[in-house]
PDB file of N, CA and C in Angstrom:
ATOM      1  N   MET A   1      29.230 144.313  88.943  1.00  0.00           N
ATOM      2  CA  MET A   1      29.400 144.272  90.435  1.00  0.00           C
ATOM      3  C   MET A   1      28.192 145.823  90.534  1.00  0.00           C
ATOM      4  N   LEU A   2      27.711 146.143  89.207  1.00  0.00           N
ATOM      5  CA  LEU A   2      26.275 146.565  89.441  1.00  0.00           C
ATOM      6  C   LEU A   2      25.252 145.637  90.507  1.00  0.00           C
ATOM      7  N   GLU A   3      25.515 144.544  90.224  1.00  0.00           N
ATOM      8  CA  GLU A   3      24.200 143.668  90.707  1.00  0.00           C
ATOM      9  C   GLU A   3      24.705 143.386  92.245  1.00  0.00           C
ATOM     10  N   ILE A   4      25.847 143.315  92.450  1.00  0.00           N
ATOM     11  CA  ILE A   4      26.326 143.125  94.032  1.00  0.00           C
ATOM     12  C   ILE A   4      25.954 144.487  94.554  1.00  0.00           C
ATOM     13  N   SER A   5      25.956 145.352  94.112  1.00  0.00           N
ATOM     14  CA  SER A   5      26.058 146.795  94.847  1.00  0.00           C
ATOM     15  C   SER A   5      24.669 147.057  95.271  1.00  0.00           C
ATOM     16  N   THR A   6      23.828 146.894  94.310  1.00  0.00           N
ATOM     17  CA  THR A   6      22.141 147.055  94.402  1.00  0.00           C
ATOM     18  C   THR A   6      21.870 146.027  95.324  1.00  0.00           C
ATOM     19  N   LYS A   7      22.295 144.808  95.578  1.00  0.00           N
ATOM     20  CA  LYS A   7      21.602 143.734  96.255  1.00  0.00           C
ATOM     21  C   LYS A   7      22.402 144.558  98.270  1.00  0.00           C
ATOM     22  N   ALA A   8      23.332 145.129  97.933  1.00  0.00           N
ATOM     23  CA  ALA A   8      24.000 145.331  99.051  1.00  0.00           C
ATOM     24  C   ALA A   8      23.339 146.771 100.034  1.00  0.00           C
ATOM     25  N   ALA A   9      23.109 147.839  98.468  1.00  0.00           N
ATOM     26  CA  ALA A   9      22.186 148.836  99.150  1.00  0.00           C
ATOM     27  C   ALA A   9      20.929 148.412  99.462  1.00  0.00           C
ATOM     28  N   GLU A  10      20.159 147.534  99.439  1.00  0.00           N
ATOM     29  CA  GLU A  10      19.024 147.343  99.468  1.00  0.00           C
ATOM     30  C   GLU A  10      19.450 146.843 100.577  1.00  0.00           C
ATOM     31  N   LEU A  11      20.179 145.864 101.265  1.00  0.00           N
ATOM     32  CA  LEU A  11      19.884 145.508 102.629  1.00  0.00           C
ATOM     33  C   LEU A  11      20.273 146.435 103.781  1.00  0.00           C
ATOM     34  N   LEU A  12      21.306 147.196 103.040  1.00  0.00           N
ATOM     35  CA  LEU A  12      21.530 148.614 104.194  1.00  0.00           C
ATOM     36  C   LEU A  12      20.355 149.250 103.841  1.00  0.00           C
ATOM     37  N   TYR A  13      19.310 149.625 103.133  1.00  0.00           N
ATOM     38  CA  TYR A  13      18.323 150.262 103.318  1.00  0.00           C
ATOM     39  C   TYR A  13      17.485 149.352 104.505  1.00  0.00           C
ATOM     40  N   LYS A  14      17.418 148.451 104.698  1.00  0.00           N
ATOM     41  CA  LYS A  14      16.690 147.699 105.631  1.00  0.00           C
ATOM     42  C   LYS A  14      16.783 148.116 106.644  1.00  0.00           C
ATOM     43  N   GLU A  15      18.451 148.453 107.238  1.00  0.00           N
ATOM     44  CA  GLU A  15      19.053 149.154 108.580  1.00  0.00           C
ATOM     45  C   GLU A  15      19.229 150.494 108.352  1.00  0.00           C
ATOM     46  N   GLY A  16      18.329 151.395 107.569  1.00  0.00           N
ATOM     47  CA  GLY A  16      18.336 152.541 107.826  1.00  0.00           C
ATOM     48  C   GLY A  16      19.334 153.435 107.106  1.00  0.00           C
ATOM     49  N   ILE A  17      20.093 152.522 106.311  1.00  0.00           N
ATOM     50  CA  ILE A  17      21.221 153.348 105.362  1.00  0.00           C
ATOM     51  C   ILE A  17      20.556 153.300 104.004  1.00  0.00           C
ATOM     52  N   GLN A  18      21.122 155.020 103.495  1.00  0.00           N
ATOM     53  CA  GLN A  18      20.749 154.984 101.936  1.00  0.00           C
ATOM     54  C   GLN A  18      22.020 155.018 101.201  1.00  0.00           C
ATOM     55  N   ALA A  19      22.106 154.154 100.554  1.00  0.00           N
ATOM     56  CA  ALA A  19      23.350 154.178  99.607  1.00  0.00           C
ATOM     57  C   ALA A  19      22.962 154.698  97.950  1.00  0.00           C
ATOM     58  N   GLU A  20      23.557 155.358  97.804  1.00  0.00           N
ATOM     59  CA  GLU A  20      23.320 155.903  96.183  1.00  0.00           C
ATOM     60  C   GLU A  20      24.700 155.248  95.131  1.00  0.00           C
ATOM     61  N   ILE A  21      24.169 154.645  94.143  1.00  0.00           N
ATOM     62  CA  ILE A  21      25.052 153.804  93.203  1.00  0.00           C
ATOM     63  C   ILE A  21      25.047 154.364  91.701  1.00  0.00           C
ATOM     64  N   ILE A  22      26.521 154.915  91.538  1.00  0.00           N
ATOM     65  CA  ILE A  22      26.715 155.023  90.447  1.00  0.00           C
ATOM     66  C   ILE A  22      27.440 154.268  89.607  1.00  0.00           C
ATOM     67  N   ASP A  23      26.660 154.282  88.203  1.00  0.00           N
ATOM     68  CA  ASP A  23      27.082 152.977  87.161  1.00  0.00           C
ATOM     69  C   ASP A  23      28.104 153.701  86.410  1.00  0.00           C
ATOM     70  N   LEU A  24      29.349 153.439  86.354  1.00  0.00           N
ATOM     71  CA  LEU A  24      30.071 153.737  85.220  1.00  0.00           C
ATOM     72  C   LEU A  24      30.406 153.124  83.785  1.00  0.00           C
ATOM     73  N   ARG A  25      29.446 153.302  83.215  1.00  0.00           N
ATOM     74  CA  ARG A  25      29.082 153.008  82.022  1.00  0.00           C
ATOM     75  C   ARG A  25      29.927 152.872  80.874  1.00  0.00           C
ATOM     76  N   SER A  26      30.811 153.517  81.414  1.00  0.00           N
ATOM     77  CA  SER A  26      32.503 154.027  80.066  1.00  0.00           C
ATOM     78  C   SER A  26      33.329 154.250  80.949  1.00  0.00           C
ATOM     79  N   LEU A  27      34.314 153.604  80.747  1.00  0.00           N
ATOM     80  CA  LEU A  27      36.029 154.467  81.162  1.00  0.00           C
ATOM     81  C   LEU A  27      36.860 155.235  80.589  1.00  0.00           C
ATOM     82  N   ARG A  28      36.406 155.522  79.251  1.00  0.00           N
ATOM     83  CA  ARG A  28      37.064 156.512  78.840  1.00  0.00           C
ATOM     84  C   ARG A  28      36.045 156.832  77.564  1.00  0.00           C
ATOM     85  N   PRO A  29      35.829 157.978  77.637  1.00  0.00           N
ATOM     86  CA  PRO A  29      36.147 158.845  78.627  1.00  0.00           C
ATOM     87  C   PRO A  29      35.304 158.462  80.074  1.00  0.00           C
ATOM     88  N   LEU A  30      36.125 159.156  80.975  1.00  0.00           N
ATOM     89  CA  LEU A  30      35.655 158.745  82.459  1.00  0.00           C
ATOM     90  C   LEU A  30      34.310 160.118  82.889  1.00  0.00           C
ATOM     91  N   ASP A  31      33.510 159.803  82.904  1.00  0.00           N
ATOM     92  CA  ASP A  31      32.580 160.886  83.221  1.00  0.00           C
ATOM     93  C   ASP A  31      32.174 161.232  84.899  1.00  0.00           C
ATOM     94  N   MET A  32      33.203 161.741  85.410  1.00  0.00           N
ATOM     95  CA  MET A  32      33.495 161.941  87.188  1.00  0.00           C
ATOM     96  C   MET A  32      32.481 163.147  87.808  1.00  0.00           C
ATOM     97  N   GLU A  33      31.622 163.552  86.659  1.00  0.00           N
ATOM     98  CA  GLU A  33      30.482 164.951  86.948  1.00  0.00           C
ATOM     99  C   GLU A  33      29.591 163.985  88.423  1.00  0.00           C
ATOM    100  N   PRO A  34      29.054 162.795  87.659  1.00  0.00           N
ATOM    101  CA  PRO A  34      27.707 162.416  88.434  1.00  0.00           C
ATOM    102  C   PRO A  34      28.616 161.975  90.056  1.00  0.00           C
ATOM    103  N   VAL A  35      29.936 161.521  89.553  1.00  0.00           N
ATOM    104  CA  VAL A  35      30.369 160.646  90.521  1.00  0.00           C
ATOM    105  C   VAL A  35      30.609 161.876  92.196  1.00  0.00           C
ATOM    106  N   ILE A  36      31.400 162.708  91.204  1.00  0.00           N
ATOM    107  CA  ILE A  36      31.416 164.237  92.283  1.00  0.00           C
ATOM    108  C   ILE A  36      29.989 164.092  93.022  1.00  0.00           C
ATOM    109  N   MET A  37      29.460 164.646  92.059  1.00  0.00           N
ATOM    110  CA  MET A  37      27.813 165.224  92.799  1.00  0.00           C
ATOM    111  C   MET A  37      27.769 164.340  93.503  1.00  0.00           C
ATOM    112  N   SER A  38      27.290 163.074  93.411  1.00  0.00           N
ATOM    113  CA  SER A  38      27.023 161.816  94.725  1.00  0.00           C
ATOM    114  C   SER A  38      28.168 161.868  95.631  1.00  0.00           C
ATOM    115  N   PHE A  39      29.387 162.369  95.525  1.00  0.00           N
ATOM    116  CA  PHE A  39      30.037 162.540  96.620  1.00  0.00           C
ATOM    117  C   PHE A  39      29.901 163.458  97.478  1.00  0.00           C
ATOM    118  N   LYS A  40      30.004 164.606  96.893  1.00  0.00           N
ATOM    119  CA  LYS A  40      29.400 165.925  97.712  1.00  0.00           C
ATOM    120  C   LYS A  40      28.079 165.750  98.781  1.00  0.00           C
ATOM    121  N   LYS A  41      27.275 164.851  98.415  1.00  0.00           N
ATOM    122  CA  LYS A  41      26.176 164.799  98.946  1.00  0.00           C
ATOM    123  C   LYS A  41      26.584 163.955 100.524  1.00  0.00           C
ATOM    124  N   THR A  42      27.051 163.444 100.193  1.00  0.00           N
ATOM    125  CA  THR A  42      27.653 162.136 101.702  1.00  0.00           C
ATOM    126  C   THR A  42      29.115 162.869 102.313  1.00  0.00           C
ATOM    127  N   ASN A  43      30.087 163.159 101.069  1.00  0.00           N
ATOM    128  CA  ASN A  43      31.158 163.043 102.139  1.00  0.00           C
ATOM    129  C   ASN A  43      32.503 161.799 102.007  1.00  0.00           C
ATOM    130  N   ARG A  44      31.188 160.908 101.474  1.00  0.00           N
ATOM    131  CA  ARG A  44      31.776 159.754 102.020  1.00  0.00           C
ATOM    132  C   ARG A  44      31.888 158.953 100.460  1.00  0.00           C
ATOM    133  N   ALA A  45      32.551 157.515  99.910  1.00  0.00           N
ATOM    134  CA  ALA A  45      32.731 157.148  99.177  1.00  0.00           C
ATOM    135  C   ALA A  45      33.054 155.653  98.957  1.00  0.00           C
ATOM    136  N   VAL A  46      32.346 154.441  98.552  1.00  0.00           N
ATOM    137  CA  VAL A  46      32.789 153.299  98.427  1.00  0.00           C
ATOM    138  C   VAL A  46      32.863 152.913  96.787  1.00  0.00           C
ATOM    139  N   ILE A  47      33.900 152.501  96.453  1.00  0.00           N
ATOM    140  CA  ILE A  47      34.464 152.105  95.005  1.00  0.00           C
ATOM    141  C   ILE A  47      34.033 150.629  95.231  1.00  0.00           C
ATOM    142  N   VAL A  48      33.338 150.249  94.298  1.00  0.00           N
ATOM    143  CA  VAL A  48      33.228 148.942  93.908  1.00  0.00           C
ATOM    144  C   VAL A  48      33.485 148.309  92.632  1.00  0.00           C
ATOM    145  N   GLU A  49      34.363 147.352  92.236  1.00  0.00           N
ATOM    146  CA  GLU A  49      34.822 146.954  91.154  1.00  0.00           C
ATOM    147  C   GLU A  49      35.286 145.521  90.967  1.00  0.00           C
ATOM    148  N   GLU A  50      35.210 145.109  89.821  1.00  0.00           N
ATOM    149  CA  GLU A  50      35.444 143.284  89.922  1.00  0.00           C
ATOM    150  C   GLU A  50      37.226 143.128  89.612  1.00  0.00           C
ATOM    151  N   GLY A  51      37.259 144.201  89.012  1.00  0.00           N
ATOM    152  CA  GLY A  51      39.087 143.716  88.572  1.00  0.00           C
ATOM    153  C   GLY A  51      39.593 143.951  90.491  1.00  0.00           C
ATOM    154  N   TRP A  52      41.148 143.808  90.090  1.00  0.00           N
ATOM    155  CA  TRP A  52      42.008 143.481  91.278  1.00  0.00           C
ATOM    156  C   TRP A  52      41.979 144.868  91.936  1.00  0.00           C
ATOM    157  N   ARG A  53      42.336 145.318  93.087  1.00  0.00           N
ATOM    158  CA  ARG A  53      42.426 146.657  93.713  1.00  0.00           C
ATOM    159  C   ARG A  53      43.836 147.249  93.080  1.00  0.00           C
ATOM    160  N   SER A  54      45.032 146.564  92.832  1.00  0.00           N
ATOM    161  CA  SER A  54      45.897 147.214  92.258  1.00  0.00           C
ATOM    162  C   SER A  54      46.150 147.745  91.202  1.00  0.00           C
ATOM    163  N   TYR A  55      46.142 148.784  90.488  1.00  0.00           N
ATOM    164  CA  TYR A  55      46.101 149.337  89.556  1.00  0.00           C
ATOM    165  C   TYR A  55      44.941 149.459  88.688  1.00  0.00           C
ATOM    166  N   GLY A  56      43.798 149.366  89.412  1.00  0.00           N
ATOM    167  CA  GLY A  56      42.319 149.168  88.855  1.00  0.00           C
ATOM    168  C   GLY A  56      41.819 150.819  88.507  1.00  0.00           C
ATOM    169  N   VAL A  57      40.778 150.467  87.940  1.00  0.00           N
ATOM    170  CA  VAL A  57      39.744 151.767  87.522  1.00  0.00           C
ATOM    171  C   VAL A  57      39.550 152.170  89.253  1.00  0.00           C
ATOM    172  N   GLY A  58      39.003 151.530  89.722  1.00  0.00           N
ATOM    173  CA  GLY A  58      38.873 152.052  91.291  1.00  0.00           C
ATOM    174  C   GLY A  58      39.621 152.776  92.024  1.00  0.00           C
ATOM    175  N   ALA A  59      41.132 152.728  91.903  1.00  0.00           N
ATOM    176  CA  ALA A  59      42.194 153.227  92.511  1.00  0.00           C
ATOM    177  C   ALA A  59      42.058 155.076  91.482  1.00  0.00           C
ATOM    178  N   GLU A  60      42.004 155.109  90.175  1.00  0.00           N
ATOM    179  CA  GLU A  60      41.794 156.155  89.364  1.00  0.00           C
ATOM    180  C   GLU A  60      40.731 157.148  89.983  1.00  0.00           C
ATOM    181  N   VAL A  61      39.460 156.291  90.441  1.00  0.00           N
ATOM    182  CA  VAL A  61      38.100 157.092  90.822  1.00  0.00           C
ATOM    183  C   VAL A  61      38.601 157.548  91.579  1.00  0.00           C
ATOM    184  N   ALA A  62      39.372 156.865  92.867  1.00  0.00           N
ATOM    185  CA  ALA A  62      39.663 157.164  94.029  1.00  0.00           C
ATOM    186  C   ALA A  62      40.766 158.586  93.852  1.00  0.00           C
ATOM    187  N   ALA A  63      41.782 158.574  93.138  1.00  0.00           N
ATOM    188  CA  ALA A  63      42.410 159.555  93.102  1.00  0.00           C
ATOM    189  C   ALA A  63      41.821 160.941  92.558  1.00  0.00           C
ATOM    190  N   ARG A  64      40.928 160.506  91.500  1.00  0.00           N
ATOM    191  CA  ARG A  64      40.154 161.687  90.945  1.00  0.00           C
ATOM    192  C   ARG A  64      39.112 162.443  91.864  1.00  0.00           C
ATOM    193  N   LEU A  65      38.617 161.865  92.943  1.00  0.00           N
ATOM    194  CA  LEU A  65      37.475 162.124  94.040  1.00  0.00           C
ATOM    195  C   LEU A  65      38.483 162.907  94.771  1.00  0.00           C
ATOM    196  N   TYR A  66      39.699 162.623  95.461  1.00  0.00           N
ATOM    197  CA  TYR A  66      40.640 163.177  95.995  1.00  0.00           C
ATOM    198  C   TYR A  66      41.040 164.768  95.437  1.00  0.00           C
ATOM    199  N   GLU A  67      41.421 164.285  93.977  1.00  0.00           N
ATOM    200  CA  GLU A  67      42.028 165.307  93.644  1.00  0.00           C
ATOM    201  C   GLU A  67      41.058 166.740  93.516  1.00  0.00           C
ATOM    202  N   GLN A  68      40.071 166.506  93.024  1.00  0.00           N
ATOM    203  CA  GLN A  68      39.012 167.504  92.190  1.00  0.00           C
ATOM    204  C   GLN A  68      37.648 167.536  93.832  1.00  0.00           C
ATOM    205  N   ALA A  69      37.799 166.620  94.936  1.00  0.00           N
ATOM    206  CA  ALA A  69      36.818 166.994  95.729  1.00  0.00           C
ATOM    207  C   ALA A  69      37.526 166.740  97.074  1.00  0.00           C
ATOM    208  N   PHE A  70      38.520 167.017  97.161  1.00  0.00           N
ATOM    209  CA  PHE A  70      39.241 166.894  98.286  1.00  0.00           C
ATOM    210  C   PHE A  70      38.680 167.380  99.287  1.00  0.00           C
ATOM    211  N   ASP A  71      38.260 168.631  99.604  1.00  0.00           N
ATOM    212  CA  ASP A  71      37.845 169.743 100.557  1.00  0.00           C
ATOM    213  C   ASP A  71      36.078 169.133 101.124  1.00  0.00           C
ATOM    214  N   TYR A  72      35.842 167.981 100.190  1.00  0.00           N
ATOM    215  CA  TYR A  72      34.463 167.399 101.041  1.00  0.00           C
ATOM    216  C   TYR A  72      34.886 165.777 101.810  1.00  0.00           C
ATOM    217  N   VAL A  73      35.995 165.362 101.724  1.00  0.00           N
ATOM    218  CA  VAL A  73      36.130 164.128 102.271  1.00  0.00           C
ATOM    219  C   VAL A  73      36.352 164.011 103.708  1.00  0.00           C
ATOM    220  N   ASP A  74      35.082 163.160 104.292  1.00  0.00           N
ATOM    221  CA  ASP A  74      34.895 163.309 105.693  1.00  0.00           C
ATOM    222  C   ASP A  74      35.544 161.960 105.928  1.00  0.00           C
ATOM    223  N   ALA A  75      35.553 161.200 105.296  1.00  0.00           N
ATOM    224  CA  ALA A  75      35.946 159.646 105.902  1.00  0.00           C
ATOM    225  C   ALA A  75      36.844 159.181 104.402  1.00  0.00           C
ATOM    226  N   PRO A  76      37.883 158.433 104.666  1.00  0.00           N
ATOM    227  CA  PRO A  76      38.874 157.961 104.110  1.00  0.00           C
ATOM    228  C   PRO A  76      38.213 157.382 102.689  1.00  0.00           C
ATOM    229  N   ILE A  77      38.139 157.311 101.595  1.00  0.00           N
ATOM    230  CA  ILE A  77      37.330 156.204 100.628  1.00  0.00           C
ATOM    231  C   ILE A  77      37.439 155.136 100.624  1.00  0.00           C
ATOM    232  N   ARG A  78      36.772 154.261 100.711  1.00  0.00           N
ATOM    233  CA  ARG A  78      37.036 152.626 100.453  1.00  0.00           C
ATOM    234  C   ARG A  78      36.881 151.931  99.426  1.00  0.00           C
ATOM    235  N   ARG A  79      37.668 150.993  98.949  1.00  0.00           N
ATOM    236  CA  ARG A  79      37.683 150.529  97.843  1.00  0.00           C
ATOM    237  C   ARG A  79      37.544 148.904  98.086  1.00  0.00           C
ATOM    238  N   VAL A  80      36.600 148.203  97.013  1.00  0.00           N
ATOM    239  CA  VAL A  80      36.020 146.544  97.328  1.00  0.00           C
ATOM    240  C   VAL A  80      36.772 146.072  96.121  1.00  0.00           C
ATOM    241  N   ALA A  81      37.511 145.221  95.815  1.00  0.00           N
ATOM    242  CA  ALA A  81      38.031 144.609  94.699  1.00  0.00           C
ATOM    243  C   ALA A  81      37.857 143.338  94.873  1.00  0.00           C
ATOM    244  N   GLN A  82      38.356 142.506  93.545  1.00  0.00           N
ATOM    245  CA  GLN A  82      38.727 140.877  93.692  1.00  0.00           C
ATOM    246  C   GLN A  82      40.326 140.649  94.740  1.00  0.00           C
ATOM    247  N   LYS A  83      40.225 139.835  95.015  1.00  0.00           N
ATOM    248  CA  LYS A  83      41.608 139.714  95.756  1.00  0.00           C
ATOM    249  C   LYS A  83      42.653 139.399  95.058  1.00  0.00           C
ATOM    250  N   GLU A  84      43.903 139.744  95.168  1.00  0.00           N
ATOM    251  CA  GLU A  84      44.759 139.721  94.654  1.00  0.00           C
ATOM    252  C   GLU A  84      45.668 138.621  93.886  1.00  0.00           C
ATOM    253  N   VAL A  85      44.995 137.572  93.405  1.00  0.00           N
ATOM    254  CA  VAL A  85      45.223 136.264  93.054  1.00  0.00           C
ATOM    255  C   VAL A  85      44.818 136.379  91.899  1.00  0.00           C
ATOM    256  N   PRO A  86      45.207 135.663  90.504  1.00  0.00           N
ATOM    257  CA  PRO A  86      44.517 134.899  89.682  1.00  0.00           C
ATOM    258  C   PRO A  86      43.307 134.925  89.765  1.00  0.00           C
ATOM    259  N   LEU A  87      42.506 135.011  89.200  1.00  0.00           N
ATOM    260  CA  LEU A  87      40.678 134.548  89.200  1.00  0.00           C
ATOM    261  C   LEU A  87      40.972 132.915  88.601  1.00  0.00           C
ATOM    262  N   PRO A  88      40.367 132.228  89.815  1.00  0.00           N
ATOM    263  CA  PRO A  88      40.126 131.336  89.388  1.00  0.00           C
ATOM    264  C   PRO A  88      39.313 130.464  88.294  1.00  0.00           C
ATOM    265  N   TYR A  89      39.172 128.815  87.974  1.00  0.00           N
ATOM    266  CA  TYR A  89      38.170 128.514  87.211  1.00  0.00           C
ATOM    267  C   TYR A  89      37.111 127.703  88.073  1.00  0.00           C
ATOM    268  N   ASN A  90      37.274 127.544  89.097  1.00  0.00           N
ATOM    269  CA  ASN A  90      36.262 127.228  89.850  1.00  0.00           C
ATOM    270  C   ASN A  90      35.415 127.614  90.508  1.00  0.00           C
ATOM    271  N   ARG A  91      34.319 127.319  90.180  1.00  0.00           N
ATOM    272  CA  ARG A  91      32.940 128.849  90.810  1.00  0.00           C
ATOM    273  C   ARG A  91      33.084 128.477  92.528  1.00  0.00           C
ATOM    274  N   THR A  92      33.728 128.375  92.974  1.00  0.00           N
ATOM    275  CA  THR A  92      33.606 128.251  94.790  1.00  0.00           C
ATOM    276  C   THR A  92      35.235 129.086  94.482  1.00  0.00           C
ATOM    277  N   LEU A  93      35.647 128.556  94.133  1.00  0.00           N
ATOM    278  CA  LEU A  93      36.997 129.724  94.426  1.00  0.00           C
ATOM    279  C   LEU A  93      36.457 130.407  93.468  1.00  0.00           C
ATOM    280  N   GLU A  94      36.322 131.029  92.742  1.00  0.00           N
ATOM    281  CA  GLU A  94      35.956 132.539  91.753  1.00  0.00           C
ATOM    282  C   GLU A  94      34.851 133.247  92.728  1.00  0.00           C
ATOM    283  N   GLN A  95      33.910 132.767  93.016  1.00  0.00           N
ATOM    284  CA  GLN A  95      33.026 133.430  94.274  1.00  0.00           C
ATOM    285  C   GLN A  95      34.098 133.744  95.371  1.00  0.00           C
ATOM    286  N   MET A  96      35.229 133.269  96.240  1.00  0.00           N
ATOM    287  CA  MET A  96      35.478 133.438  97.406  1.00  0.00           C
ATOM    288  C   MET A  96      36.620 134.641  96.738  1.00  0.00           C
ATOM    289  N   ALA A  97      37.184 134.742  95.589  1.00  0.00           N
ATOM    290  CA  ALA A  97      37.972 135.801  94.925  1.00  0.00           C
ATOM    291  C   ALA A  97      37.359 137.221  94.508  1.00  0.00           C
ATOM    292  N   LEU A  98      36.005 137.075  94.423  1.00  0.00           N
ATOM    293  CA  LEU A  98      35.650 138.483  93.941  1.00  0.00           C
ATOM    294  C   LEU A  98      34.577 139.051  94.699  1.00  0.00           C
ATOM    295  N   PRO A  99      34.570 140.526  94.723  1.00  0.00           N
ATOM    296  CA  PRO A  99      33.989 140.988  96.143  1.00  0.00           C
ATOM    297  C   PRO A  99      32.602 140.547  96.106  1.00  0.00           C
ATOM    298  N   GLN A 100      31.827 140.546  97.107  1.00  0.00           N
ATOM    299  CA  GLN A 100      30.438 139.508  97.879  1.00  0.00           C
ATOM    300  C   GLN A 100      29.918 140.796  98.105  1.00  0.00           C
ATOM    301  N   VAL A 101      28.498 140.659  98.756  1.00  0.00           N
ATOM    302  CA  VAL A 101      27.441 141.816  99.294  1.00  0.00           C
ATOM    303  C   VAL A 101      28.037 141.687 100.533  1.00  0.00           C
ATOM    304  N   GLU A 102      28.661 141.098 101.088  1.00  0.00           N
ATOM    305  CA  GLU A 102      29.150 141.536 102.425  1.00  0.00           C
ATOM    306  C   GLU A 102      30.406 142.145 102.426  1.00  0.00           C
ATOM    307  N   ASP A 103      31.080 142.081 101.630  1.00  0.00           N
ATOM    308  CA  ASP A 103      32.524 143.152 101.569  1.00  0.00           C
ATOM    309  C   ASP A 103      32.074 144.601 101.230  1.00  0.00           C
ATOM    310  N   VAL A 104      31.067 144.519 100.455  1.00  0.00           N
ATOM    311  CA  VAL A 104      30.397 146.137 100.212  1.00  0.00           C
ATOM    312  C   VAL A 104      29.459 146.514 101.752  1.00  0.00           C
ATOM    313  N   ILE A 105      28.743 145.808 101.939  1.00  0.00           N
ATOM    314  CA  ILE A 105      28.347 146.093 103.152  1.00  0.00           C
ATOM    315  C   ILE A 105      29.467 146.592 104.331  1.00  0.00           C
ATOM    316  N   THR A 106      30.420 145.487 104.618  1.00  0.00           N
ATOM    317  CA  THR A 106      31.371 146.135 105.257  1.00  0.00           C
ATOM    318  C   THR A 106      32.154 147.405 105.452  1.00  0.00           C
ATOM    319  N   ALA A 107      32.211 147.809 103.873  1.00  0.00           N
ATOM    320  CA  ALA A 107      33.059 148.767 103.768  1.00  0.00           C
ATOM    321  C   ALA A 107      32.420 149.604 104.085  1.00  0.00           C
ATOM    322  N   VAL A 108      30.574 149.698 103.526  1.00  0.00           N
ATOM    323  CA  VAL A 108      29.790 151.040 103.509  1.00  0.00           C
ATOM    324  C   VAL A 108      29.760 151.482 105.145  1.00  0.00           C
ATOM    325  N   LYS A 109      30.116 150.354 106.295  1.00  0.00           N
ATOM    326  CA  LYS A 109      29.509 150.456 107.503  1.00  0.00           C
ATOM    327  C   LYS A 109      30.632 151.102 107.951  1.00  0.00           C
ATOM    328  N   GLU A 110      32.141 150.598 107.404  1.00  0.00           N
ATOM    329  CA  GLU A 110      33.322 151.228 107.679  1.00  0.00           C
ATOM    330  C   GLU A 110      33.020 152.926 107.468  1.00  0.00           C
ATOM    331  N   VAL A 111      33.070 153.487 106.375  1.00  0.00           N
ATOM    332  CA  VAL A 111      33.115 154.539 106.158  1.00  0.00           C
ATOM    333  C   VAL A 111      32.162 155.088 106.542  1.00  0.00           C
ATOM    334  N   LEU A 112      31.499 154.928 107.050  1.00  0.00           N
ATOM    335  CA  LEU A 112      29.931 155.467 108.044  1.00  0.00           C
ATOM    336  C   LEU A 112      30.347 155.806 109.351  1.00  0.00           C
ATOM    337  N   ASN A 113      30.990 155.108 110.055  1.00  0.00           N
ATOM    338  CA  ASN A 113      31.987 154.991 111.350  1.00  0.00           C
ATOM    339  C   ASN A 113      32.684 155.655 111.242  1.00  0.00           C
ATOM    340  N   GLY A 114      33.620 156.195 110.521  1.00  0.00           N
ATOM    341  CA  GLY A 114      34.921 156.999 110.686  1.00  0.00           C
ATOM    342  C   GLY A 114      36.053 155.855 110.423  1.00  0.00           C
TER     343      GLY A 114
END
């Protein structure tokens, strides 16, 4: 989702919205320090993941943000993830199930507007 997030950030920048992207290179151990440092700059977060929203790493990252940086929360943390369906083999259907640039942009704007 790094490519999707980067494209979304570029389009948002053209609208005057700056976004910082933290790419979690490993999940175990989960290095939350850069995530928390970034969160404290804006008090907002959008978590983008390719997996399902339920029980995914995005849920863990959101939970840790709420646990470790709750005093900094100014807006609900938004999560952008795959639709809750088995991932289709057909390319067109696959693209409909996976998060797209527009999904990330929408989530960022929702977080900014409270």
